[in-house]
Each structure stands twice: as structure tokens, then as C-alpha cells.
Amino acid sequence: MNAQAKSSNTAFDYVKWFVVIALVAAAIGGNYYFAAESLIFRVIGVLVVLLLALAVAITTEKGKAVNRLRKEAWVEVRKVVWPTRQETVQTTLVVIGFVLVVALILWAVDSLLGWLVSLVIG
């Protein structure tokens, strides 16, 4: 009984994904069809249709899994200890300093090799 319910649910998910694809295609096609209309109305129309497509997509098994992942990721982001502004600025300055030092070293090596090649070639 469970296997039949699972396959029925999967078949219904395929129908939902077809509806999602049809809604996205309708949003794109409608945007071109109503090209003469004001941009704000077209943007609002596309956003409404895409939000409807998103609402349908979230009701599928994969959509529910993605929504769970999104919620879990948000919980993890809230657990992160973000650096202070001072730490960020100091780290950025250290990185810029190292980049400048490496750039100078590469410039010096390039100039030296260019000078050596010009000596060999004449």
C-alpha cells in the first residue's frame, strides 16, 4: 500500500513540475507578448507568476527538501560568529599588503629575467 501511495505521489509531483515549467514559460511569453505595456506592469506580472510557480514547486517532495535545507542553512548562518568591523578591516589591509609585496617580487623577477634575456639575445 505504501509503494502505491509513493508512486501516486511521485506522479503527482511530475504534474506539479509540469505546472511550474508551464508557469515559468507563461511568465516569459507574457513578458514578450505584453512588450508594449509599461515595464512596471510586466515586472509585477512576471513576479506574481514566478511566485505562484515557486508556491507550486515547494509543494513537491524535492521542493520540501529544498525548503528544509534552506531553513537548516539559515539556522547554521545564525550560529556563525562573524568578525567585527575592526577585524575585517585589519585582515583586508594585511591581504592588500601581501598582494603588493608579491606583486613587487613578481615585477622584480620579471624585470630581472627580461634583462637577462636581453643580454643573451643582444
C-alpha atoms as a PDB file:
ATOM      1  CA  MET A   1       0.000   0.000   0.000  1.00  0.00           C
ATOM      2  CA  ASN A   2       2.837   2.364   0.837  1.00  0.00           C
ATOM      3  CA  ALA A   3       4.565   1.733  -2.514  1.00  0.00           C
ATOM      4  CA  GLN A   4       1.405   2.620  -4.408  1.00  0.00           C
ATOM      5  CA  ALA A   5       0.945   5.815  -2.403  1.00  0.00           C
ATOM      6  CA  LYS A   6       4.596   6.672  -3.059  1.00  0.00           C
ATOM      7  CA  SER A   7       4.246   6.207  -6.838  1.00  0.00           C
ATOM      8  CA  SER A   8       0.994   8.179  -6.892  1.00  0.00           C
ATOM      9  CA  ASN A   9       2.703  10.986  -5.000  1.00  0.00           C
ATOM     10  CA  THR A  10       5.631  10.882  -7.435  1.00  0.00           C
ATOM     11  CA  ALA A  11       3.270  11.003 -10.419  1.00  0.00           C
ATOM     12  CA  PHE A  12       1.505  13.994  -8.890  1.00  0.00           C
ATOM     13  CA  ASP A  13       4.902  15.630  -8.355  1.00  0.00           C
ATOM     14  CA  TYR A  14       5.583  15.293 -12.089  1.00  0.00           C
ATOM     15  CA  VAL A  15       2.295  17.070 -12.785  1.00  0.00           C
ATOM     16  CA  LYS A  16       3.284  19.823 -10.359  1.00  0.00           C
ATOM     17  CA  TRP A  17       6.693  20.232 -12.029  1.00  0.00           C
ATOM     18  CA  PHE A  18       4.945  20.442 -15.406  1.00  0.00           C
ATOM     19  CA  VAL A  19       2.740  23.210 -13.975  1.00  0.00           C
ATOM     20  CA  VAL A  20       5.842  25.006 -12.653  1.00  0.00           C
ATOM     21  CA  ILE A  21       7.534  24.825 -16.071  1.00  0.00           C
ATOM     22  CA  ALA A  22       4.325  25.989 -17.766  1.00  0.00           C
ATOM     23  CA  LEU A  23       4.044  28.950 -15.374  1.00  0.00           C
ATOM     24  CA  VAL A  24       7.658  29.985 -15.964  1.00  0.00           C
ATOM     25  CA  ALA A  25       7.135  29.692 -19.724  1.00  0.00           C
ATOM     26  CA  ALA A  26       3.932  31.738 -19.400  1.00  0.00           C
ATOM     27  CA  ALA A  27       5.811  34.426 -17.468  1.00  0.00           C
ATOM     28  CA  ILE A  28       8.490  34.640 -20.151  1.00  0.00           C
ATOM     29  CA  GLY A  29       5.998  34.515 -23.008  1.00  0.00           C
ATOM     30  CA  GLY A  30       3.694  37.021 -21.340  1.00  0.00           C
ATOM     31  CA  ASN A  31       6.572  39.426 -20.895  1.00  0.00           C
ATOM     32  CA  TYR A  32       7.233  39.335 -24.640  1.00  0.00           C
ATOM     33  CA  TYR A  33       3.534  39.356 -25.558  1.00  0.00           C
ATOM     34  CA  PHE A  34       2.889  42.465 -23.475  1.00  0.00           C
ATOM     35  CA  ALA A  35       6.081  44.238 -24.589  1.00  0.00           C
ATOM     36  CA  ALA A  36       4.072  47.347 -25.479  1.00  0.00           C
ATOM     37  CA  GLU A  37       2.776  47.681 -21.910  1.00  0.00           C
ATOM     38  CA  SER A  38       4.522  49.587 -19.142  1.00  0.00           C
ATOM     39  CA  LEU A  39       7.599  47.914 -17.704  1.00  0.00           C
ATOM     40  CA  ILE A  40       6.303  48.080 -14.134  1.00  0.00           C
ATOM     41  CA  PHE A  41       3.159  46.121 -15.043  1.00  0.00           C
ATOM     42  CA  ARG A  42       5.207  43.476 -16.843  1.00  0.00           C
ATOM     43  CA  VAL A  43       7.601  43.142 -13.895  1.00  0.00           C
ATOM     44  CA  ILE A  44       4.708  42.821 -11.448  1.00  0.00           C
ATOM     45  CA  GLY A  45       3.052  40.230 -13.697  1.00  0.00           C
ATOM     46  CA  VAL A  46       6.236  38.180 -14.033  1.00  0.00           C
ATOM     47  CA  LEU A  47       6.873  38.330 -10.279  1.00  0.00           C
ATOM     48  CA  VAL A  48       3.324  37.211  -9.467  1.00  0.00           C
ATOM     49  CA  VAL A  49       3.524  34.271 -11.879  1.00  0.00           C
ATOM     50  CA  LEU A  50       7.000  33.279 -10.645  1.00  0.00           C
ATOM     51  CA  LEU A  51       5.847  33.427  -7.016  1.00  0.00           C
ATOM     52  CA  LEU A  52       2.918  31.203  -7.957  1.00  0.00           C
ATOM     53  CA  ALA A  53       5.335  28.791  -9.651  1.00  0.00           C
ATOM     54  CA  LEU A  54       7.517  28.827  -6.530  1.00  0.00           C
ATOM     55  CA  ALA A  55       4.491  28.087  -4.355  1.00  0.00           C
ATOM     56  CA  VAL A  56       3.651  25.075  -6.524  1.00  0.00           C
ATOM     57  CA  ALA A  57       7.278  23.898  -6.579  1.00  0.00           C
ATOM     58  CA  ILE A  58       7.540  23.987  -2.783  1.00  0.00           C
ATOM     59  CA  THR A  59       4.636  21.521  -2.509  1.00  0.00           C
ATOM     60  CA  THR A  60       6.640  18.792  -4.291  1.00  0.00           C
ATOM     61  CA  GLU A  61       8.923  16.360  -2.453  1.00  0.00           C
ATOM     62  CA  LYS A  62      12.062  17.993  -3.853  1.00  0.00           C
ATOM     63  CA  GLY A  63      10.654  21.419  -3.090  1.00  0.00           C
ATOM     64  CA  LYS A  64      10.010  20.416   0.512  1.00  0.00           C
ATOM     65  CA  ALA A  65      13.563  19.062   0.762  1.00  0.00           C
ATOM     66  CA  VAL A  66      14.995  22.323  -0.608  1.00  0.00           C
ATOM     67  CA  ASN A  67      12.867  24.320   1.823  1.00  0.00           C
ATOM     68  CA  ARG A  68      14.119  22.186   4.744  1.00  0.00           C
ATOM     69  CA  LEU A  69      17.694  22.712   3.550  1.00  0.00           C
ATOM     70  CA  ARG A  70      17.095  26.469   3.344  1.00  0.00           C
ATOM     71  CA  LYS A  71      15.779  26.552   6.906  1.00  0.00           C
ATOM     72  CA  GLU A  72      18.666  24.443   8.233  1.00  0.00           C
ATOM     73  CA  ALA A  73      21.188  26.619   6.397  1.00  0.00           C
ATOM     74  CA  TRP A  74      19.659  29.743   7.927  1.00  0.00           C
ATOM     75  CA  VAL A  75      19.999  28.193  11.393  1.00  0.00           C
ATOM     76  CA  GLU A  76      23.681  27.481  10.690  1.00  0.00           C
ATOM     77  CA  VAL A  77      24.267  31.017   9.395  1.00  0.00           C
ATOM     78  CA  ARG A  78      22.853  32.390  12.630  1.00  0.00           C
ATOM     79  CA  LYS A  79      25.325  30.235  14.602  1.00  0.00           C
ATOM     80  CA  VAL A  80      28.343  31.725  12.820  1.00  0.00           C
ATOM     81  CA  VAL A  81      30.444  34.168  14.836  1.00  0.00           C
ATOM     82  CA  TRP A  82      31.051  36.953  12.343  1.00  0.00           C
ATOM     83  CA  PRO A  83      34.201  39.095  12.642  1.00  0.00           C
ATOM     84  CA  THR A  84      33.965  42.612  13.962  1.00  0.00           C
ATOM     85  CA  ARG A  85      34.465  45.593  11.683  1.00  0.00           C
ATOM     86  CA  GLN A  86      37.955  46.159  13.097  1.00  0.00           C
ATOM     87  CA  GLU A  87      38.975  42.540  12.427  1.00  0.00           C
ATOM     88  CA  THR A  88      37.611  42.758   8.894  1.00  0.00           C
ATOM     89  CA  VAL A  89      39.490  45.982   8.134  1.00  0.00           C
ATOM     90  CA  GLN A  90      42.746  44.670   9.611  1.00  0.00           C
ATOM     91  CA  THR A  91      42.523  41.398   7.686  1.00  0.00           C
ATOM     92  CA  THR A  92      41.747  43.274   4.476  1.00  0.00           C
ATOM     93  CA  LEU A  93      44.769  45.536   4.960  1.00  0.00           C
ATOM     94  CA  VAL A  94      47.031  42.530   5.605  1.00  0.00           C
ATOM     95  CA  VAL A  95      45.781  40.856   2.418  1.00  0.00           C
ATOM     96  CA  ILE A  96      46.335  44.050   0.402  1.00  0.00           C
ATOM     97  CA  GLY A  97      49.851  44.332   1.864  1.00  0.00           C
ATOM     98  CA  PHE A  98      50.734  40.765   0.917  1.00  0.00           C
ATOM     99  CA  VAL A  99      49.329  41.259  -2.581  1.00  0.00           C
ATOM    100  CA  LEU A 100      51.501  44.354  -3.041  1.00  0.00           C
ATOM    101  CA  VAL A 101      54.613  42.547  -1.756  1.00  0.00           C
ATOM    102  CA  VAL A 102      54.032  39.576  -4.060  1.00  0.00           C
ATOM    103  CA  ALA A 103      53.351  41.951  -6.969  1.00  0.00           C
ATOM    104  CA  LEU A 104      56.657  43.727  -6.332  1.00  0.00           C
ATOM    105  CA  ILE A 105      58.512  40.409  -6.144  1.00  0.00           C
ATOM    106  CA  LEU A 106      56.949  39.243  -9.411  1.00  0.00           C
ATOM    107  CA  TRP A 107      57.761  42.580 -11.058  1.00  0.00           C
ATOM    108  CA  ALA A 108      61.382  42.313  -9.897  1.00  0.00           C
ATOM    109  CA  VAL A 109      61.719  38.720 -11.145  1.00  0.00           C
ATOM    110  CA  ASP A 110      60.126  39.657 -14.467  1.00  0.00           C
ATOM    111  CA  SER A 111      62.430  42.651 -14.882  1.00  0.00           C
ATOM    112  CA  LEU A 112      65.482  40.554 -13.991  1.00  0.00           C
ATOM    113  CA  LEU A 113      64.530  37.803 -16.428  1.00  0.00           C
ATOM    114  CA  GLY A 114      63.798  40.363 -19.140  1.00  0.00           C
ATOM    115  CA  TRP A 115      67.187  41.981 -18.575  1.00  0.00           C
ATOM    116  CA  LEU A 116      68.943  38.578 -18.678  1.00  0.00           C
ATOM    117  CA  VAL A 117      67.168  37.613 -21.901  1.00  0.00           C
ATOM    118  CA  SER A 118      68.095  40.948 -23.490  1.00  0.00           C
ATOM    119  CA  LEU A 119      71.748  40.287 -22.546  1.00  0.00           C
ATOM    120  CA  VAL A 120      71.660  36.825 -24.117  1.00  0.00           C
ATOM    121  CA  ILE A 121      69.864  37.947 -27.281  1.00  0.00           C
ATOM    122  CA  GLY A 122      71.970  41.051 -27.607  1.00  0.00           C
END
